[in-house]
């Protein structure tokens, strides 16, 4: 059950985050896009990353998906005939 719970939570994280990044790039929504920039001109260092909002939303969805999956598995394993 732990492996199935991990798979459900991991897939929900990957699909949600990937979907949000895809929506951000398709519709050019800057707070949903991942933009990486690196510059090293003669030892001057510059780095820039993109939005972490899809990652945070993905973690929240992952948490709730795992809780719902565990709840449904526990509920379906209860024997009501007793």
Protein backbone atom coordinates (compact mmCIF):
# COMPACT_ATOMS: atom_id res chain seq x y z
CA UNK A 1 0.00 0.00 0.00
CA UNK A 2 2.88 2.36 0.63
CA UNK A 3 4.12 1.94 -2.95
CA UNK A 4 0.67 2.65 -4.39
CA UNK A 5 0.30 5.69 -2.15
CA UNK A 6 3.69 6.97 -3.33
CA UNK A 7 2.79 6.39 -6.96
CA UNK A 8 -0.52 8.26 -6.58
CA UNK A 9 1.11 11.21 -4.84
CA UNK A 10 4.10 11.35 -7.21
CA UNK A 11 1.96 11.17 -10.34
CA UNK A 12 -0.38 13.83 -9.04
CA UNK A 13 2.62 16.08 -8.33
CA UNK A 14 4.22 15.51 -11.74
CA UNK A 15 1.00 15.88 -13.73
CA UNK A 16 -0.15 18.99 -11.85
CA UNK A 17 3.21 20.73 -12.02
CA UNK A 18 3.79 19.76 -15.64
CA UNK A 19 0.30 20.84 -16.61
CA UNK A 20 0.70 24.22 -14.93
CA UNK A 21 4.08 24.82 -16.57
CA UNK A 22 2.58 23.82 -19.93
CA UNK A 23 -0.36 26.19 -19.45
CA UNK A 24 2.08 28.94 -18.50
CA UNK A 25 4.14 28.51 -21.64
CA UNK A 26 1.20 28.06 -24.00
CA UNK A 27 -0.67 31.13 -22.79
CA UNK A 28 2.47 33.08 -21.70
CA UNK A 29 1.39 33.47 -18.09
CA UNK A 30 4.61 34.62 -16.45
CA UNK A 31 3.85 33.39 -12.94
CA UNK A 32 3.28 29.86 -14.33
CA UNK A 33 6.32 29.76 -16.63
CA UNK A 34 9.71 28.30 -15.83
CA UNK A 35 12.44 30.52 -17.20
CA UNK A 36 16.11 29.74 -16.57
CA UNK A 37 18.89 32.18 -17.44
CA UNK A 38 22.63 31.83 -16.85
CA UNK A 39 25.31 34.37 -17.74
CA UNK A 40 29.05 34.08 -17.15
CA UNK A 41 30.83 36.86 -19.01
CA UNK A 42 34.46 36.86 -17.97
CA UNK A 43 33.79 35.61 -14.45
CA UNK A 44 30.84 37.85 -13.84
CA UNK A 45 28.19 35.56 -12.51
CA UNK A 46 24.46 35.92 -13.06
CA UNK A 47 21.69 33.38 -12.60
CA UNK A 48 17.94 33.67 -12.79
CA UNK A 49 15.16 31.13 -12.33
CA UNK A 50 11.45 31.11 -12.93
CA UNK A 51 8.28 30.81 -10.97
CA UNK A 52 7.92 28.27 -8.20
CA UNK A 53 4.15 28.69 -7.99
CA UNK A 54 3.43 25.51 -10.03
CA UNK A 55 5.74 23.54 -7.74
CA UNK A 56 3.95 24.79 -4.63
CA UNK A 57 0.53 24.07 -6.14
CA UNK A 58 1.79 20.62 -7.18
CA UNK A 59 2.90 19.87 -3.62
CA UNK A 60 -0.47 20.92 -2.24
CA UNK A 61 -2.32 18.76 -4.77
CA UNK A 62 0.07 15.88 -4.01
CA UNK A 63 -0.68 16.14 -0.28
CA UNK A 64 -4.45 16.12 -0.75
CA UNK A 65 -4.36 13.34 -3.36
CA UNK A 66 -2.42 11.10 -0.98
CA UNK A 67 -4.80 11.86 1.91
CA UNK A 68 -7.84 11.11 -0.27
CA UNK A 69 -6.28 7.88 -1.56
CA UNK A 70 -5.44 6.68 1.96
CA UNK A 71 -8.93 7.58 3.18
CA UNK A 72 -10.60 5.65 0.35
CA UNK A 73 -8.34 2.63 0.85
CA UNK A 74 -9.01 2.56 4.59
CA UNK A 75 -12.73 2.98 4.04
CA UNK A 76 -12.90 0.18 1.46
CA UNK A 77 -11.05 -2.22 3.77
CA UNK A 78 -13.64 -1.90 6.58
CA UNK A 79 -15.87 -4.92 6.89
CA UNK A 80 -19.47 -3.74 7.32
CA UNK A 81 -20.93 -7.23 7.86
CA UNK A 82 -19.90 -7.41 11.53
